[in-house]
Amino acid sequence: MKIAIAIPLLMTSLVIAAERTILMVDDHEVLYRAGTRRVLEIPVRHAKNPLITEDKPWELAIGWTSVHRDKATGRYQMWYQAYAGPRAELKTHECVVCYAESADGITFNKPDLGLFEFNGEKQTNIVLIGSGAYGHRYCNSVIVDAREADAARRYKMLYYDWATQSDGEVWAGLHIAFSPDGVHWAKHPEAPLYRTSFGGKKVQPLFAGENPYQETKLADGRVKRQMIVPMSMSDAADPVFDPKRKTWAVYGKMWIHGPEGGLAWKHGMGRTESKDLLHWSKPQLVCAPDDRDGALEFHTSPVFYHSERFFSLCQILNRAGGGTMDIELMLSRDGFEWERPFRDPYFIARNEDDTFDSGTILTNSDFIIEGGEMRFYYGAYGSGAIGGGSNITCDTQKSGVGLVTLPLNRFAGIRTEPEAPTSKIKNPPDIGQITFKPMDIKGRTELYVNADAAAGAVWAEILDADGYRVPGFDKASCAPLKNKDATRYRFAWKEKKLAELPPGPHHIRLHLQTATVYAITLR
C-alpha cells in the first residue's frame, strides 16, 4: 500500500501545536534511564486477512496499495496494483491500478466502474492503465491534498511508467495523474517527470558526456533498451510531505554499485524533493545496506512523518532467498540520516503459514488512525517478489491486501528489565526509571502516559534543571497508572497542578514497576 496523505499530515501538525507527544522509539529526548530496555512492538494481523483477494481476471497478482480515510465521512478508499501479465490482450493492461472502497476499512467493495475494459469485459474496477510504450506501468502512490485549490487535482497519483520522447527515445521514470474523486484520473502530459536507470546490470558507469540511452536490435526484431544513469531513482515512488523542509519528498529504490564498481548491484534508499510534485531535485542516496545485512538489500523504503520523526517501513529483500521480503522499522529525525535499531525481529514479518503473505510484504508510506488504533495496510504475495513470470502468476500463487494493527503510538516501548539474580538477591525488583532531558513545560497543564502497567505501575515526578525534586511533584505525591493498560492516562499530584510549576526548564522522570512505557504527551 502506498500513500503519503496530506490530510492527516495537516491534522497532525495542528495536534502538535496544542500538545506534544514524545515516543519511546529512541533516546533523543531521554537524558538517562536505568533498569530498562527498549522493545519493538509487533503489529497484530487482522483476523479477516486478506481483506482483498485476486478474484478478477485482471488480478493474477495484487501488490502495491494506497489507502485513504476521509475524516468527515469515515469512508475508506483503496488503490491497488493488479498484475495480469499474459492474461491481458493489450500491453497497456498488463499491470493496472484498481479501486476499492469500504465503510469500515475491513470489508471492501470492488465497484463496477466501466472506465476500462479488460479483454472485452466492460465492467471492471480498473482506474488507470499503462502507456504500453515498453515495460510495465508500476506502483500507485496516492496523495489526497486538502490544500489543493484546483478541485480536479485534489487527488494525485505518482507511478512509474514509460514515455516516448520527441526524439524517439523511450524513457522510464516518474509519472503523475490527477483526479477530483480518486476514480476518474487524467494523466499529466509531461512525462517522465524524472528519468530512471533501466538495465545495465554490472555495467561500469559511462564516461561523462556519453549518451545514457542505448538501443540494441535483437535477432527476432525486438529492441532492447537500456538507460544507464548512475545514482538515479528506480522503479518505485513513495511520496511524503516533509513538514520540516516544507516540501514533498519521494523515497524509492536507488541502485548502488557492486564490489567491482558495476551498476545495479543492490538497492539503497534514495530521496528526491519537489515543491509542486512536477519538478524534482537531483536524487541523493540517504541509506544503504551495510555489513550486518550480508546478502540482504532494500526493496523500497516508504516513509511517513509522525510525532516529530520520520519512519520508514523498509522492505528488506532477500534476493538470494527467492526474493522474499520482510519489513524493518527505520527512524530518522530529519529524513536524511537514518537509524536502524529494530532489525530483529522484523516489524512486519512474512507469515509462517502457506498464505497470501508468506513470501512478500509490500508496505506503503502511511498508516490510518482509527480511534485508538493504528492501521497498516499492505500488499502481499505468497511467493518472492522478483523474477516475474510464473513466480507470481502460477496456479498455486496467493496474493492480496492485508492489515496489521497497533494501539496508538505503540511502535516501541521502554520496559523494566530486572537485573540478573545473585546469591544475595535471588529475586531482584522489576523496577526502572526514565529521566528526560530538561524541557520548558510553561503553558502545559496536563501530562499523559501511554503505558502497559497491567501487572505493575507507572509514576511521574518533576525535577528542576539541577536534578532536585520539586516539592509536591515527587513520586509519593503522584497518583500512578496502576494495574491498567492505557494509551492515555493523565497524571495528577495530591496538592499540585502542572501549571503551578515555577518558570524554567524541568526534567520529567517516570518510575516504572513491571511496566512498559510507549509515549508521554504534554498538553
Protein backbone atom coordinates (compact mmCIF):
# COMPACT_ATOMS: atom_id res chain seq x y z
CA MET A 1 0.00 0.00 0.00
CA LYS A 2 1.37 3.33 -0.95
CA ILE A 3 0.10 6.62 0.30
CA ALA A 4 1.51 9.87 1.64
CA ILE A 5 -1.65 11.70 2.54
CA ALA A 6 -1.77 15.40 3.19
CA ILE A 7 -4.95 15.49 5.26
CA PRO A 8 -3.67 13.50 8.27
CA LEU A 9 -0.41 15.39 7.95
CA LEU A 10 -2.14 18.73 8.30
CA MET A 11 -4.24 17.47 11.17
CA THR A 12 -1.15 16.07 12.90
CA SER A 13 0.58 19.44 12.71
CA LEU A 14 -2.46 21.07 14.35
CA VAL A 15 -2.43 18.50 17.16
CA ILE A 16 1.27 19.00 17.79
CA ALA A 17 0.67 22.75 18.15
CA ALA A 18 -1.73 22.02 21.03
CA GLU A 19 0.20 19.12 22.52
CA ARG A 20 3.50 17.33 22.17
CA THR A 21 3.90 13.56 22.15
CA ILE A 22 7.31 12.03 22.80
CA LEU A 23 7.62 8.45 21.54
CA MET A 24 9.92 5.92 23.16
CA VAL A 25 11.30 4.69 19.83
CA ASP A 26 14.68 6.28 20.60
CA ASP A 27 16.51 8.16 23.38
CA HIS A 28 16.58 11.53 21.65
CA GLU A 29 14.64 13.21 24.49
CA VAL A 30 15.94 10.88 27.23
CA LEU A 31 18.78 12.09 29.44
CA TYR A 32 19.35 8.70 31.05
CA ARG A 33 17.44 5.66 32.16
CA ALA A 34 18.13 2.66 34.37
CA GLY A 35 16.69 -0.81 34.86
CA THR A 36 15.08 -0.75 31.43
CA ARG A 37 15.43 -1.91 27.84
CA ARG A 38 13.73 -0.88 24.61
CA VAL A 39 11.41 -3.37 22.91
CA LEU A 40 9.80 -3.27 19.48
CA GLU A 41 6.03 -3.69 19.48
CA ILE A 42 4.88 -6.19 16.84
CA PRO A 43 1.64 -5.36 14.98
CA VAL A 44 -1.18 -7.90 15.07
CA ARG A 45 -2.59 -9.37 11.85
CA HIS A 46 -6.30 -8.84 11.32
CA ALA A 47 -8.45 -11.94 11.71
CA LYS A 48 -10.15 -11.34 8.32
CA ASN A 49 -6.95 -11.16 6.26
CA PRO A 50 -6.72 -10.99 3.32
CA LEU A 51 -9.18 -8.10 3.06
CA ILE A 52 -8.89 -8.11 -0.75
CA THR A 53 -8.08 -11.17 -2.87
CA GLU A 54 -7.31 -11.83 -6.55
CA ASP A 55 -10.81 -12.77 -7.74
CA LYS A 56 -10.93 -10.86 -11.06
CA PRO A 57 -9.41 -11.90 -14.44
CA TRP A 58 -7.03 -8.90 -14.31
CA GLU A 59 -5.78 -9.82 -10.81
CA LEU A 60 -3.22 -12.58 -11.24
CA ALA A 61 -1.20 -10.88 -8.51
CA ILE A 62 -2.04 -7.98 -6.18
CA GLY A 63 0.74 -5.95 -4.64
CA TRP A 64 1.20 -2.20 -4.37
CA THR A 65 -1.52 -0.36 -2.42
CA SER A 66 -2.58 3.12 -1.24
CA VAL A 67 -5.26 3.81 1.35
CA HIS A 68 -7.09 6.98 2.34
CA ARG A 69 -9.74 7.50 5.03
CA ASP A 70 -11.98 10.55 4.77
CA LYS A 71 -12.07 12.15 8.21
CA ALA A 72 -15.55 13.64 7.68
CA THR A 73 -17.36 10.55 6.36
CA GLY A 74 -15.15 7.74 7.62
CA ARG A 75 -15.16 6.21 4.12
CA TYR A 76 -12.06 4.30 3.04
CA GLN A 77 -10.67 4.43 -0.48
CA MET A 78 -8.05 1.94 -1.67
CA TRP A 79 -5.99 1.82 -4.85
CA TYR A 80 -4.09 -1.36 -5.55
CA GLN A 81 -1.85 -2.68 -8.27
CA ALA A 82 -3.15 -5.69 -10.18
CA TYR A 83 -0.80 -7.61 -12.42
CA ALA A 84 -2.46 -9.55 -15.24
CA GLY A 85 0.65 -10.33 -17.26
CA PRO A 86 -0.01 -12.87 -20.03
CA ARG A 87 -3.77 -12.78 -19.44
CA ALA A 88 -4.01 -9.26 -20.86
CA GLU A 89 -4.65 -8.96 -24.60
CA LEU A 90 -3.28 -5.40 -24.54
CA LYS A 91 0.11 -4.42 -23.19
CA THR A 92 -1.43 -1.35 -21.55
CA HIS A 93 -3.46 -3.69 -19.33
CA GLU A 94 -0.69 -5.99 -18.13
CA CYS A 95 -0.26 -4.03 -14.88
CA VAL A 96 -3.14 -1.74 -13.88
CA VAL A 97 -4.42 0.26 -10.90
CA CYS A 98 -7.69 -0.92 -9.38
CA TYR A 99 -10.06 0.75 -6.93
CA ALA A 100 -11.98 -0.47 -3.88
CA GLU A 101 -13.90 1.25 -1.10
CA SER A 102 -15.16 0.45 2.38
CA ALA A 103 -17.25 1.90 5.17
CA ASP A 104 -15.14 0.41 7.97
CA GLY A 105 -11.73 -0.31 6.42
CA ILE A 106 -12.27 -4.05 6.77
CA THR A 107 -14.92 -5.10 4.24
CA PHE A 108 -14.04 -3.67 0.82
CA ASN A 109 -16.19 -3.48 -2.29
CA LYS A 110 -14.81 -3.51 -5.85
CA PRO A 111 -17.25 -1.28 -7.77
CA ASP A 112 -18.03 -1.89 -11.44
CA LEU A 113 -16.90 1.46 -12.83
CA GLY A 114 -16.95 0.81 -16.57
CA LEU A 115 -13.94 3.05 -17.17
CA PHE A 116 -11.60 0.48 -18.76
CA GLU A 117 -12.37 -2.84 -20.38
CA PHE A 118 -10.31 -5.96 -19.86
CA ASN A 119 -10.29 -8.48 -22.70
CA GLY A 120 -13.77 -7.34 -23.70
CA GLU A 121 -15.22 -7.29 -20.17
CA LYS A 122 -16.62 -3.78 -19.75
CA GLN A 123 -17.45 -3.71 -16.04
CA THR A 124 -14.18 -3.52 -14.16
CA ASN A 125 -12.78 -1.62 -11.19
CA ILE A 126 -9.70 -0.53 -13.17
CA VAL A 127 -8.98 3.21 -12.87
CA LEU A 128 -5.55 3.55 -14.55
CA ILE A 129 -3.73 1.63 -17.29
CA GLY A 130 -0.18 1.78 -18.61
CA SER A 131 1.20 3.66 -21.59
CA GLY A 132 2.20 0.46 -23.36
CA ALA A 133 5.42 2.11 -24.50
CA TYR A 134 7.90 -0.55 -23.36
CA GLY A 135 7.97 -2.11 -19.90
CA HIS A 136 5.22 -2.29 -17.32
CA ARG A 137 3.47 0.58 -15.59
CA TYR A 138 4.28 0.06 -11.92
CA CYS A 139 3.19 1.24 -8.43
CA ASN A 140 0.47 3.68 -7.37
CA SER A 141 1.18 6.20 -4.61
CA VAL A 142 -1.84 8.38 -3.95
CA ILE A 143 -1.86 11.77 -2.24
CA VAL A 144 -5.12 13.36 -1.10
CA ASP A 145 -4.21 17.04 -0.89
CA ALA A 146 -6.62 19.17 1.14
CA ARG A 147 -4.57 22.28 0.30
CA GLU A 148 -5.05 21.92 -3.47
CA ALA A 149 -7.08 24.87 -4.85
CA ASP A 150 -7.94 23.07 -8.09
CA ALA A 151 -10.68 20.54 -7.27
CA ALA A 152 -9.77 18.48 -10.34
CA ARG A 153 -6.30 17.91 -8.85
CA ARG A 154 -7.17 17.17 -5.24
CA TYR A 155 -6.16 13.53 -5.72
CA LYS A 156 -2.68 12.94 -7.12
CA MET A 157 -1.15 9.60 -8.09
CA LEU A 158 2.57 9.08 -8.60
CA TYR A 159 3.57 5.97 -10.54
CA TYR A 160 6.31 4.53 -12.74
CA ASP A 161 5.86 4.13 -16.48
CA TRP A 162 7.43 4.62 -19.90
CA ALA A 163 7.06 7.58 -22.25
CA THR A 164 8.21 8.18 -25.83
CA GLN A 165 10.14 11.43 -26.21
CA SER A 166 10.10 13.81 -29.19
CA ASP A 167 13.45 12.40 -30.37
CA GLY A 168 12.09 8.85 -30.37
CA GLU A 169 13.84 7.72 -27.21
CA VAL A 170 11.63 5.79 -24.78
CA TRP A 171 12.41 6.69 -21.18
CA ALA A 172 11.17 5.22 -17.92
CA GLY A 173 10.56 7.30 -14.84
CA LEU A 174 8.12 9.10 -12.60
CA HIS A 175 4.64 9.94 -13.90
CA ILE A 176 1.73 11.73 -12.25
CA ALA A 177 -2.06 11.69 -12.72
CA PHE A 178 -4.75 13.92 -11.20
CA SER A 179 -8.33 13.25 -10.10
CA PRO A 180 -11.23 15.08 -8.42
CA ASP A 181 -12.52 11.94 -6.69
CA GLY A 182 -9.87 9.22 -6.80
CA VAL A 183 -11.78 7.34 -9.50
CA HIS A 184 -11.54 9.40 -12.70
CA TRP A 185 -7.87 10.07 -13.46
CA ALA A 186 -6.18 12.34 -16.02
CA LYS A 187 -2.53 11.68 -16.79
CA HIS A 188 -0.20 14.67 -16.80
CA PRO A 189 1.11 15.05 -20.38
CA GLU A 190 4.73 15.81 -19.44
CA ALA A 191 6.47 12.53 -18.69
CA PRO A 192 8.57 11.24 -17.21
CA LEU A 193 8.98 13.89 -14.51
CA TYR A 194 12.39 12.44 -13.77
CA ARG A 195 14.26 9.72 -15.64
CA THR A 196 15.44 6.49 -14.08
CA SER A 197 18.05 3.90 -14.82
CA PHE A 198 16.94 0.69 -16.52
CA GLY A 199 19.10 -2.33 -17.32
CA GLY A 200 22.87 -2.14 -17.38
CA LYS A 201 23.40 -4.63 -14.56
CA LYS A 202 27.13 -4.94 -13.73
CA VAL A 203 27.97 -2.41 -16.46
CA GLN A 204 30.61 0.12 -15.47
CA PRO A 205 29.37 3.74 -15.27
CA LEU A 206 29.57 5.54 -18.60
CA PHE A 207 32.12 8.26 -19.18
CA ALA A 208 30.89 11.81 -18.70
CA GLY A 209 29.29 13.05 -21.91
CA GLU A 210 28.21 9.64 -23.23
CA ASN A 211 24.53 9.16 -24.09
CA PRO A 212 22.94 7.05 -21.31
CA TYR A 213 20.14 5.90 -23.64
CA GLN A 214 21.08 2.81 -25.66
CA GLU A 215 19.14 0.55 -28.05
CA THR A 216 20.12 -2.88 -29.29
CA LYS A 217 18.20 -4.69 -32.03
CA LEU A 218 17.80 -8.38 -31.29
CA ALA A 219 17.76 -11.19 -33.85
CA ASP A 220 13.98 -11.61 -33.58
CA GLY A 221 13.41 -7.95 -34.44
CA ARG A 222 12.72 -6.72 -30.93
CA VAL A 223 14.54 -3.74 -29.46
CA LYS A 224 16.38 -3.98 -26.15
CA ARG A 225 16.62 -0.66 -24.34
CA GLN A 226 18.96 0.43 -21.57
CA MET A 227 19.09 3.71 -19.66
CA ILE A 228 22.44 3.72 -17.88
CA VAL A 229 22.00 6.52 -15.35
CA PRO A 230 24.07 6.07 -12.16
CA MET A 231 22.65 7.30 -8.86
CA SER A 232 19.13 7.76 -10.19
CA MET A 233 15.84 6.67 -8.66
CA SER A 234 14.45 3.33 -9.79
CA ASP A 235 11.04 1.78 -10.49
CA ALA A 236 9.04 2.94 -7.48
CA ALA A 237 7.95 6.15 -5.76
CA ASP A 238 6.65 6.74 -2.23
CA PRO A 239 5.78 10.41 -1.59
CA VAL A 240 5.52 12.15 1.77
CA PHE A 241 5.23 15.78 2.76
CA ASP A 242 8.26 16.90 4.76
CA PRO A 243 6.92 19.45 7.29
CA LYS A 244 10.42 20.42 8.42
CA ARG A 245 11.60 21.45 4.95
CA LYS A 246 8.07 22.28 3.74
CA THR A 247 8.47 20.25 0.58
CA TRP A 248 7.36 16.98 -0.97
CA ALA A 249 9.85 14.14 -0.92
CA VAL A 250 9.85 10.87 -2.82
CA TYR A 251 11.65 7.89 -1.31
CA GLY A 252 12.36 4.92 -3.52
CA LYS A 253 14.84 2.44 -4.87
CA MET A 254 18.27 3.66 -5.87
CA TRP A 255 20.82 1.22 -7.28
CA ILE A 256 24.29 1.22 -5.68
CA HIS A 257 27.42 -0.10 -7.38
CA GLY A 258 28.85 -3.56 -6.74
CA PRO A 259 32.30 -4.66 -5.50
CA GLU A 260 33.80 -4.32 -8.98
CA GLY A 261 32.15 -0.93 -9.49
CA GLY A 262 29.41 -2.19 -11.79
CA LEU A 263 25.89 -0.81 -11.76
CA ALA A 264 22.67 -2.32 -10.35
CA TRP A 265 24.21 -4.37 -7.54
CA LYS A 266 21.85 -3.67 -4.64
CA HIS A 267 19.06 -1.21 -3.91
CA GLY A 268 19.58 1.54 -1.39
CA MET A 269 17.19 4.25 -0.23
CA GLY A 270 17.03 7.34 -2.45
CA ARG A 271 15.33 10.67 -1.87
CA THR A 272 14.34 13.50 -4.23
CA GLU A 273 12.36 16.68 -3.47
CA SER A 274 9.75 18.89 -5.14
CA LYS A 275 7.64 21.91 -4.21
CA ASP A 276 4.94 21.17 -6.81
CA LEU A 277 5.25 17.40 -7.47
CA LEU A 278 6.26 18.21 -11.06
CA HIS A 279 9.85 19.46 -10.84
CA TRP A 280 12.21 17.24 -8.87
CA SER A 281 15.67 17.73 -7.41
CA LYS A 282 18.71 15.61 -8.13
CA PRO A 283 18.24 12.34 -6.19
CA GLN A 284 20.56 11.52 -3.34
CA LEU A 285 21.31 8.27 -1.55
CA VAL A 286 20.29 8.57 2.11
CA CYS A 287 20.66 4.98 3.37
CA ALA A 288 22.16 1.76 2.04
CA PRO A 289 22.65 -1.87 3.13
CA ASP A 290 25.66 -2.37 5.39
CA ASP A 291 27.91 -5.13 6.75
CA ARG A 292 25.22 -6.55 9.02
CA ASP A 293 22.85 -7.07 6.08
CA GLY A 294 25.07 -9.56 4.28
CA ALA A 295 23.16 -10.70 1.18
CA LEU A 296 20.09 -8.66 2.10
CA GLU A 297 19.19 -5.34 0.47
CA PHE A 298 16.39 -2.80 0.39
CA HIS A 299 13.46 -3.02 -2.00
CA THR A 300 11.52 0.19 -1.49
CA SER A 301 11.60 2.32 1.65
CA PRO A 302 8.24 4.08 2.09
CA VAL A 303 8.35 6.90 4.65
CA PHE A 304 5.76 8.66 6.81
CA TYR A 305 6.10 11.51 9.31
CA HIS A 306 4.63 11.21 12.80
CA SER A 307 5.34 12.85 16.18
CA GLU A 308 8.46 14.76 15.14
CA ARG A 309 10.03 11.76 13.42
CA PHE A 310 10.28 10.17 10.03
CA PHE A 311 9.53 6.44 9.98
CA SER A 312 10.26 4.01 7.16
CA LEU A 313 8.56 0.64 6.71
CA CYS A 314 11.59 -0.52 4.75
CA GLN A 315 11.15 -3.63 2.66
CA ILE A 316 14.13 -5.92 3.26
CA LEU A 317 14.69 -8.04 0.17
CA ASN A 318 16.38 -11.43 0.29
CA ARG A 319 17.25 -11.82 -3.39
CA ALA A 320 19.30 -14.96 -2.69
CA GLY A 321 16.33 -16.46 -0.84
CA GLY A 322 13.93 -16.22 -3.76
CA GLY A 323 13.06 -12.54 -3.45
CA THR A 324 11.17 -12.75 -0.17
CA MET A 325 10.59 -9.53 1.77
CA ASP A 326 10.03 -8.61 5.41
CA ILE A 327 9.50 -5.15 6.90
CA GLU A 328 12.00 -3.34 9.10
CA LEU A 329 11.07 -0.20 11.03
CA MET A 330 13.65 2.56 10.45
CA LEU A 331 13.88 6.02 12.08
CA SER A 332 15.12 9.49 11.17
CA ARG A 333 14.95 12.91 12.77
CA ASP A 334 15.49 14.84 9.51
CA GLY A 335 14.62 12.43 6.68
CA PHE A 336 18.27 12.11 5.59
CA GLU A 337 20.20 10.40 8.40
CA TRP A 338 18.57 7.06 9.16
CA GLU A 339 18.87 4.75 12.17
CA ARG A 340 18.13 1.03 12.14
CA PRO A 341 17.63 -0.06 15.76
CA PHE A 342 14.92 -2.65 15.01
CA ARG A 343 16.48 -5.17 12.63
CA ASP A 344 15.50 -8.21 14.68
CA PRO A 345 12.68 -9.01 14.97
CA TYR A 346 11.05 -7.52 11.89
CA PHE A 347 8.23 -5.02 12.39
CA ILE A 348 6.07 -6.98 9.93
CA ALA A 349 7.41 -10.43 9.18
CA ARG A 350 6.19 -12.81 6.49
CA ASN A 351 3.54 -15.23 7.67
CA GLU A 352 4.88 -18.64 8.57
CA ASP A 353 1.85 -20.40 7.12
CA ASP A 354 1.25 -21.05 3.42
CA THR A 355 -0.81 -17.88 2.99
CA PHE A 356 -1.12 -14.86 0.71
CA ASP A 357 1.56 -13.06 2.77
CA SER A 358 4.06 -15.85 3.36
CA GLY A 359 6.51 -14.67 0.68
CA THR A 360 6.49 -10.92 0.19
CA ILE A 361 5.20 -7.93 2.17
CA LEU A 362 4.72 -4.65 0.24
CA THR A 363 4.22 -1.67 2.55
CA ASN A 364 3.26 1.91 1.79
CA SER A 365 4.13 5.36 3.09
CA ASP A 366 1.37 5.93 5.60
CA PHE A 367 -0.94 4.43 8.19
CA ILE A 368 -4.52 5.16 9.20
CA ILE A 369 -5.54 6.19 12.72
CA GLU A 370 -8.97 4.76 13.57
CA GLY A 371 -9.94 5.59 17.13
CA GLY A 372 -7.12 4.41 19.37
CA GLU A 373 -5.71 2.08 16.73
CA MET A 374 -3.03 2.45 14.06
CA ARG A 375 -3.79 0.51 10.86
CA PHE A 376 -1.06 -0.54 8.46
CA TYR A 377 -2.33 -1.92 5.15
CA TYR A 378 -0.03 -3.89 2.88
CA GLY A 379 0.00 -5.85 -0.35
CA ALA A 380 1.48 -9.32 -0.36
CA TYR A 381 2.47 -12.39 -2.37
CA GLY A 382 2.76 -15.97 -1.27
CA SER A 383 5.99 -16.11 -3.28
CA GLY A 384 9.04 -13.92 -3.69
CA ALA A 385 8.68 -10.52 -5.38
CA ILE A 386 11.38 -10.77 -8.04
CA GLY A 387 11.59 -12.80 -11.21
CA GLY A 388 8.08 -12.14 -12.53
CA GLY A 389 6.50 -14.74 -14.79
CA SER A 390 5.23 -17.90 -13.14
CA ASN A 391 6.87 -16.82 -9.89
CA ILE A 392 3.87 -14.58 -9.19
CA THR A 393 1.27 -15.90 -11.64
CA CYS A 394 1.30 -19.68 -11.20
CA ASP A 395 -1.86 -21.51 -10.14
CA THR A 396 -0.64 -22.02 -6.58
CA GLN A 397 0.21 -18.37 -6.07
CA LYS A 398 -1.77 -16.41 -3.50
CA SER A 399 -1.82 -12.63 -3.11
CA GLY A 400 -3.95 -9.85 -1.71
CA VAL A 401 -4.18 -6.95 0.69
CA GLY A 402 -3.71 -7.44 4.41
CA LEU A 403 -3.90 -5.37 7.57
CA VAL A 404 -1.90 -5.26 10.79
CA THR A 405 -2.74 -3.04 13.75
CA LEU A 406 -1.15 -1.48 16.83
CA PRO A 407 -2.54 0.63 19.68
CA LEU A 408 -1.93 4.32 19.06
CA ASN A 409 1.75 5.39 19.24
CA ARG A 410 2.99 1.97 20.32
CA PHE A 411 5.79 1.48 17.82
CA ALA A 412 8.27 0.62 20.57
CA GLY A 413 8.42 0.90 24.34
CA ILE A 414 10.82 1.12 27.27
CA ARG A 415 10.26 -1.84 29.57
CA THR A 416 11.56 -2.64 33.03
CA GLU A 417 14.40 -5.15 32.94
CA PRO A 418 15.32 -6.76 36.29
CA GLU A 419 18.99 -7.32 36.99
CA ALA A 420 20.24 -10.89 36.99
CA PRO A 421 19.70 -12.76 40.29
CA THR A 422 22.69 -13.03 42.62
CA SER A 423 23.45 -15.10 45.68
CA LYS A 424 22.38 -12.15 47.82
CA ILE A 425 19.38 -11.00 45.74
CA LYS A 426 17.57 -14.00 44.36
CA ASN A 427 14.53 -12.04 43.12
CA PRO A 428 15.67 -8.55 42.09
CA PRO A 429 12.87 -5.98 41.88
CA ASP A 430 11.37 -5.34 38.46
CA ILE A 431 11.78 -1.56 38.58
CA GLY A 432 13.28 1.15 36.39
CA GLN A 433 13.23 4.85 35.71
CA ILE A 434 13.35 7.19 32.70
CA THR A 435 14.66 10.74 33.18
CA PHE A 436 14.01 13.07 30.28
CA LYS A 437 16.20 15.93 29.17
CA PRO A 438 15.23 19.33 30.62
CA MET A 439 12.32 20.91 28.76
CA ASP A 440 10.23 24.03 29.06
CA ILE A 441 6.84 22.99 30.46
CA LYS A 442 5.48 26.54 30.56
CA GLY A 443 1.89 26.65 29.35
CA ARG A 444 1.41 22.89 29.75
CA THR A 445 -1.35 21.86 32.13
CA GLU A 446 -1.58 18.11 31.57
CA LEU A 447 0.86 15.18 31.41
CA TYR A 448 -0.27 11.86 29.94
CA VAL A 449 1.44 8.50 29.66
CA ASN A 450 0.86 5.71 27.13
CA ALA A 451 1.85 2.56 29.02
CA ASP A 452 1.07 -1.04 29.82
CA ALA A 453 1.04 -1.32 33.60
CA ALA A 454 -1.48 -4.17 33.78
CA ALA A 455 0.83 -6.05 36.14
CA GLY A 456 2.52 -3.05 37.74
CA ALA A 457 2.54 0.74 37.89
CA VAL A 458 3.99 3.97 36.48
CA TRP A 459 4.54 7.17 38.47
CA ALA A 460 5.62 10.65 37.32
CA GLU A 461 7.66 13.23 39.17
CA ILE A 462 9.23 16.55 38.25
CA LEU A 463 12.84 17.59 38.86
CA ASP A 464 14.27 21.06 38.45
CA ALA A 465 17.08 21.81 35.98
CA ASP A 466 19.70 20.83 38.60
CA GLY A 467 18.10 17.45 39.27
CA TYR A 468 16.39 18.29 42.58
CA ARG A 469 12.83 17.07 43.14
CA VAL A 470 10.21 19.79 43.03
CA PRO A 471 8.13 19.75 46.24
CA GLY A 472 4.66 18.41 45.63
CA PHE A 473 5.63 16.81 42.32
CA ASP A 474 7.50 13.82 43.76
CA LYS A 475 6.69 10.15 43.21
CA ALA A 476 4.95 9.77 46.56
CA SER A 477 2.56 12.61 45.70
CA CYS A 478 1.63 11.16 42.29
CA ALA A 479 -1.49 9.11 41.57
CA PRO A 480 0.05 6.32 39.44
CA LEU A 481 -1.22 4.36 36.49
CA LYS A 482 -1.64 1.06 38.33
CA ASN A 483 -2.79 -2.38 37.21
CA LYS A 484 -4.04 -0.91 33.94
CA ASP A 485 -3.09 -0.79 30.28
CA ALA A 486 -3.85 2.71 28.95
CA THR A 487 -2.89 4.64 25.82
CA ARG A 488 -3.71 7.97 27.51
CA TYR A 489 -3.55 8.17 31.31
CA ARG A 490 -3.43 11.62 32.92
CA PHE A 491 -1.07 12.02 35.87
CA ALA A 492 -2.19 14.00 38.89
CA TRP A 493 -0.47 15.01 42.11
CA LYS A 494 -2.12 15.32 45.53
CA GLU A 495 -1.80 19.05 46.07
CA LYS A 496 -0.10 20.44 42.94
CA LYS A 497 -1.02 21.04 39.30
CA LEU A 498 1.39 21.12 36.38
CA ALA A 499 0.51 24.73 35.59
CA GLU A 500 1.86 25.73 39.03
CA LEU A 501 5.44 24.80 38.19
CA PRO A 502 7.86 27.74 38.51
CA PRO A 503 9.36 29.13 35.26
CA GLY A 504 12.38 27.46 33.69
CA PRO A 505 13.36 24.03 32.34
CA HIS A 506 12.41 20.89 34.22
CA HIS A 507 13.07 17.17 33.98
CA ILE A 508 10.18 14.73 33.81
CA ARG A 509 11.01 11.44 35.48
CA LEU A 510 8.94 8.27 35.17
CA HIS A 511 9.21 5.46 37.71
CA LEU A 512 8.27 2.02 36.34
CA GLN A 513 7.38 -1.17 38.14
CA THR A 514 6.76 -4.19 35.88
CA ALA A 515 5.59 -1.88 33.11
CA THR A 516 6.28 -0.69 29.57
CA VAL A 517 6.09 2.99 28.57
CA TYR A 518 5.43 3.82 24.90
CA ALA A 519 4.98 7.60 24.97
CA ILE A 520 4.29 10.67 27.05
CA THR A 521 2.16 13.62 25.96
CA LEU A 522 2.29 17.19 27.23
CA ARG A 523 -0.83 19.24 26.69
